[in-house]
N, C-alpha and C. Protein backbone atom coordinates (compact mmCIF):
# COMPACT_ATOMS: atom_id res chain seq x y z
N MET A 1 57.24 125.56 102.70
CA MET A 1 58.11 124.53 102.22
C MET A 1 57.31 123.46 101.50
N LYS A 2 57.91 122.98 100.47
CA LYS A 2 57.24 121.95 99.69
C LYS A 2 57.40 120.60 100.37
N ARG A 3 56.41 119.81 100.26
CA ARG A 3 56.48 118.46 100.79
C ARG A 3 57.05 117.55 99.71
N MET A 4 57.78 116.55 100.14
CA MET A 4 58.36 115.62 99.18
C MET A 4 57.29 114.64 98.72
N SER A 5 57.39 114.30 97.47
CA SER A 5 56.44 113.33 96.95
C SER A 5 56.83 111.94 97.43
N GLN A 6 55.93 111.03 97.27
CA GLN A 6 56.15 109.64 97.71
C GLN A 6 57.33 109.02 96.95
N LYS A 7 57.43 109.29 95.65
CA LYS A 7 58.54 108.76 94.84
C LYS A 7 59.87 109.31 95.33
N THR A 8 59.92 110.56 95.63
CA THR A 8 61.15 111.19 96.08
C THR A 8 61.59 110.61 97.42
N LYS A 9 60.66 110.42 98.32
CA LYS A 9 60.98 109.81 99.61
C LYS A 9 61.54 108.40 99.42
N PHE A 10 60.93 107.65 98.54
CA PHE A 10 61.39 106.29 98.27
C PHE A 10 62.80 106.30 97.69
N ARG A 11 63.05 107.21 96.75
CA ARG A 11 64.39 107.31 96.15
C ARG A 11 65.44 107.68 97.20
N VAL A 12 65.14 108.66 98.02
CA VAL A 12 66.09 109.09 99.04
C VAL A 12 66.36 107.95 100.03
N THR A 13 65.32 107.28 100.44
CA THR A 13 65.47 106.16 101.37
C THR A 13 66.28 105.04 100.73
N PHE A 14 65.96 104.72 99.49
CA PHE A 14 66.68 103.66 98.78
C PHE A 14 68.16 104.01 98.61
N LEU A 15 68.45 105.22 98.17
CA LEU A 15 69.84 105.64 97.98
C LEU A 15 70.60 105.69 99.31
N MET A 16 69.93 106.12 100.36
CA MET A 16 70.58 106.16 101.67
C MET A 16 70.90 104.74 102.14
N LEU A 17 69.98 103.82 101.94
CA LEU A 17 70.19 102.43 102.30
C LEU A 17 71.36 101.83 101.50
N CYS A 18 71.40 102.10 100.22
CA CYS A 18 72.52 101.62 99.38
C CYS A 18 73.84 102.21 99.85
N PHE A 19 73.83 103.50 100.19
CA PHE A 19 75.05 104.15 100.67
C PHE A 19 75.53 103.52 101.97
N ILE A 20 74.63 103.24 102.89
CA ILE A 20 74.99 102.65 104.17
C ILE A 20 75.55 101.24 103.97
N ILE A 21 74.90 100.44 103.14
CA ILE A 21 75.37 99.08 102.89
C ILE A 21 76.75 99.10 102.24
N THR A 22 76.93 99.97 101.26
CA THR A 22 78.22 100.09 100.59
C THR A 22 79.30 100.54 101.57
N SER A 23 78.98 101.48 102.43
CA SER A 23 79.95 101.96 103.41
C SER A 23 80.35 100.86 104.38
N VAL A 24 79.39 100.08 104.84
CA VAL A 24 79.68 98.99 105.78
C VAL A 24 80.57 97.95 105.10
N LEU A 25 80.26 97.59 103.88
CA LEU A 25 81.09 96.62 103.15
C LEU A 25 82.50 97.15 102.93
N PHE A 26 82.62 98.40 102.60
CA PHE A 26 83.93 99.01 102.37
C PHE A 26 84.77 99.01 103.65
N VAL A 27 84.17 99.42 104.76
CA VAL A 27 84.89 99.48 106.03
C VAL A 27 85.28 98.07 106.48
N SER A 28 84.39 97.10 106.31
CA SER A 28 84.74 95.74 106.73
C SER A 28 85.86 95.16 105.88
N SER A 29 85.88 95.47 104.59
CA SER A 29 86.98 94.98 103.74
C SER A 29 88.29 95.65 104.12
N ILE A 30 88.25 96.91 104.51
CA ILE A 30 89.47 97.60 104.94
C ILE A 30 90.01 96.95 106.21
N PHE A 31 89.14 96.64 107.17
CA PHE A 31 89.59 95.98 108.40
C PHE A 31 90.14 94.59 108.10
N SER A 32 89.54 93.91 107.15
CA SER A 32 90.03 92.59 106.77
C SER A 32 91.44 92.70 106.19
N TYR A 33 91.66 93.66 105.32
CA TYR A 33 92.99 93.85 104.73
C TYR A 33 94.02 94.25 105.78
N ILE A 34 93.62 95.08 106.72
CA ILE A 34 94.53 95.49 107.79
C ILE A 34 94.92 94.28 108.63
N SER A 35 93.97 93.42 108.91
CA SER A 35 94.25 92.21 109.66
C SER A 35 95.21 91.30 108.91
N GLN A 36 95.00 91.14 107.61
CA GLN A 36 95.89 90.32 106.80
C GLN A 36 97.30 90.89 106.78
N ILE A 37 97.41 92.19 106.67
CA ILE A 37 98.72 92.85 106.64
C ILE A 37 99.43 92.64 107.98
N SER A 38 98.70 92.76 109.07
CA SER A 38 99.29 92.56 110.39
C SER A 38 99.79 91.12 110.55
N ASP A 39 98.98 90.16 110.14
CA ASP A 39 99.40 88.75 110.22
C ASP A 39 100.63 88.49 109.35
N THR A 40 100.65 89.08 108.18
CA THR A 40 101.78 88.90 107.28
C THR A 40 103.05 89.50 107.85
N LYS A 41 102.93 90.64 108.50
CA LYS A 41 104.10 91.27 109.12
C LYS A 41 104.64 90.41 110.26
N LYS A 42 103.74 89.83 111.06
CA LYS A 42 104.18 88.95 112.15
C LYS A 42 104.89 87.72 111.59
N GLU A 43 104.32 87.15 110.55
CA GLU A 43 104.93 85.97 109.94
C GLU A 43 106.29 86.33 109.34
N MET A 44 106.38 87.49 108.73
CA MET A 44 107.63 87.93 108.14
C MET A 44 108.71 88.12 109.22
N ALA A 45 108.34 88.67 110.35
CA ALA A 45 109.30 88.85 111.46
C ALA A 45 109.78 87.49 111.97
N MET A 46 108.86 86.52 112.10
CA MET A 46 109.26 85.19 112.54
C MET A 46 110.19 84.55 111.53
N LEU A 47 109.90 84.70 110.25
CA LEU A 47 110.74 84.11 109.21
C LEU A 47 112.11 84.77 109.15
N GLU A 48 112.16 86.08 109.40
CA GLU A 48 113.45 86.77 109.44
C GLU A 48 114.30 86.25 110.60
N ASN A 49 113.68 86.04 111.76
CA ASN A 49 114.42 85.49 112.89
C ASN A 49 114.92 84.08 112.58
N SER A 50 114.08 83.30 111.96
CA SER A 50 114.47 81.94 111.59
C SER A 50 115.62 81.97 110.59
N TYR A 51 115.56 82.91 109.66
CA TYR A 51 116.62 83.06 108.66
C TYR A 51 117.94 83.44 109.32
N LYS A 52 117.89 84.36 110.27
CA LYS A 52 119.10 84.77 110.98
C LYS A 52 119.70 83.61 111.77
N GLU A 53 118.82 82.83 112.42
CA GLU A 53 119.30 81.66 113.16
C GLU A 53 119.94 80.65 112.22
N SER A 54 119.34 80.48 111.05
CA SER A 54 119.89 79.54 110.06
C SER A 54 121.25 80.01 109.57
N LEU A 55 121.39 81.31 109.36
CA LEU A 55 122.69 81.85 108.93
C LEU A 55 123.75 81.63 110.01
N ALA A 56 123.37 81.84 111.27
CA ALA A 56 124.33 81.63 112.36
C ALA A 56 124.72 80.16 112.43
N GLU A 57 123.75 79.26 112.28
CA GLU A 57 124.04 77.82 112.29
C GLU A 57 124.94 77.44 111.12
N GLU A 58 124.70 78.05 109.97
CA GLU A 58 125.54 77.77 108.80
C GLU A 58 126.98 78.21 109.05
N GLU A 59 127.16 79.37 109.68
CA GLU A 59 128.50 79.84 109.99
C GLU A 59 129.21 78.88 110.95
N LYS A 60 128.47 78.40 111.96
CA LYS A 60 129.05 77.45 112.91
C LYS A 60 129.49 76.17 112.19
N LEU A 61 128.64 75.69 111.30
CA LEU A 61 128.96 74.46 110.58
C LEU A 61 130.14 74.64 109.64
N LYS A 62 130.21 75.79 108.98
CA LYS A 62 131.35 76.06 108.10
C LYS A 62 132.64 76.13 108.91
N ASP A 63 132.55 76.75 110.09
CA ASP A 63 133.72 76.84 110.96
C ASP A 63 134.15 75.44 111.41
N GLU A 64 133.17 74.59 111.75
CA GLU A 64 133.47 73.22 112.16
C GLU A 64 134.10 72.44 111.01
N ILE A 65 133.61 72.65 109.80
CA ILE A 65 134.20 71.97 108.63
C ILE A 65 135.65 72.39 108.46
N ASN A 66 135.91 73.68 108.58
CA ASN A 66 137.29 74.17 108.45
C ASN A 66 138.18 73.60 109.54
N LYS A 67 137.66 73.50 110.76
CA LYS A 67 138.45 72.93 111.85
C LYS A 67 138.74 71.45 111.61
N LEU A 68 137.76 70.73 111.07
CA LEU A 68 137.95 69.29 110.84
C LEU A 68 138.93 69.00 109.71
N GLN A 69 139.30 70.00 108.95
CA GLN A 69 140.33 69.82 107.92
C GLN A 69 141.71 69.68 108.56
N ASP A 70 141.86 70.19 109.78
CA ASP A 70 143.12 70.13 110.51
C ASP A 70 143.24 68.75 111.18
N PRO A 71 144.29 67.98 110.87
CA PRO A 71 144.43 66.63 111.45
C PRO A 71 144.54 66.63 112.98
N GLU A 72 145.19 67.61 113.55
CA GLU A 72 145.33 67.66 115.01
C GLU A 72 143.96 67.86 115.68
N TYR A 73 143.19 68.76 115.15
CA TYR A 73 141.86 69.01 115.71
C TYR A 73 140.97 67.78 115.54
N MET A 74 141.07 67.13 114.38
CA MET A 74 140.25 65.96 114.12
C MET A 74 140.61 64.83 115.09
N ALA A 75 141.89 64.65 115.38
CA ALA A 75 142.31 63.63 116.33
C ALA A 75 141.80 63.95 117.73
N LYS A 76 141.90 65.20 118.14
CA LYS A 76 141.42 65.62 119.45
C LYS A 76 139.90 65.43 119.54
N TYR A 77 139.20 65.77 118.49
CA TYR A 77 137.74 65.62 118.45
C TYR A 77 137.35 64.14 118.57
N ALA A 78 138.05 63.28 117.84
CA ALA A 78 137.75 61.85 117.89
C ALA A 78 138.03 61.29 119.29
N ARG A 79 139.10 61.75 119.93
CA ARG A 79 139.40 61.26 121.28
C ARG A 79 138.32 61.71 122.27
N GLU A 80 137.86 62.93 122.16
CA GLU A 80 136.85 63.44 123.09
C GLU A 80 135.47 62.84 122.81
N LYS A 81 135.09 62.82 121.56
CA LYS A 81 133.73 62.41 121.21
C LYS A 81 133.55 60.89 121.22
N TYR A 82 134.51 60.17 120.68
CA TYR A 82 134.35 58.72 120.50
C TYR A 82 135.27 57.89 121.39
N LEU A 83 135.94 58.55 122.32
CA LEU A 83 136.80 57.89 123.31
C LEU A 83 137.94 57.09 122.67
N TYR A 84 138.48 57.60 121.58
CA TYR A 84 139.67 56.98 121.00
C TYR A 84 140.87 57.39 121.84
N SER A 85 141.92 56.59 121.75
CA SER A 85 143.11 56.93 122.54
C SER A 85 144.37 56.76 121.70
N LYS A 86 145.40 57.43 122.16
CA LYS A 86 146.71 57.26 121.53
C LYS A 86 147.33 55.99 122.09
N ASP A 87 148.45 55.57 121.50
CA ASP A 87 149.15 54.40 122.03
C ASP A 87 149.61 54.69 123.46
N ASP A 88 149.52 53.68 124.31
CA ASP A 88 149.91 53.77 125.72
C ASP A 88 149.10 54.83 126.48
N GLU A 89 147.86 55.05 126.07
CA GLU A 89 147.01 56.04 126.73
C GLU A 89 145.77 55.30 127.24
N ILE A 90 145.38 55.61 128.45
CA ILE A 90 144.21 54.98 129.05
C ILE A 90 143.07 56.01 129.09
N VAL A 91 141.88 55.59 128.64
CA VAL A 91 140.72 56.48 128.64
C VAL A 91 139.82 56.09 129.79
N ILE A 92 139.51 57.08 130.62
CA ILE A 92 138.61 56.87 131.74
C ILE A 92 137.41 57.78 131.52
N LYS A 93 136.24 57.17 131.43
CA LYS A 93 135.02 57.95 131.18
C LYS A 93 134.33 58.20 132.52
N ILE A 94 134.09 59.48 132.80
CA ILE A 94 133.41 59.87 134.03
C ILE A 94 132.06 60.45 133.64
N GLU A 95 131.01 59.79 134.09
CA GLU A 95 129.67 60.28 133.78
C GLU A 95 129.22 61.25 134.85
N GLU A 96 128.54 62.27 134.42
CA GLU A 96 128.07 63.29 135.35
C GLU A 96 126.65 63.06 135.75
């Protein structure tokens, strides 16, 4: 078997070192991207939940607006919330 020359050994060592460094950088960048994707997915799930809660709150508020258009409901609401009373009516507030 032939022995490798000094130049050939240096080239092989140099190329192997470059390959190892490049591989390490590539793998670390892949893990970095995977971590970013995972964080983004978690944030997206939280934002979707927040969006759903906001939609539910919007529906409640729209329903309340529609109810407040009714004079009877508005009068009942004012009596309960602000302790207004009808004529000849006595309001007694009981605190819990």
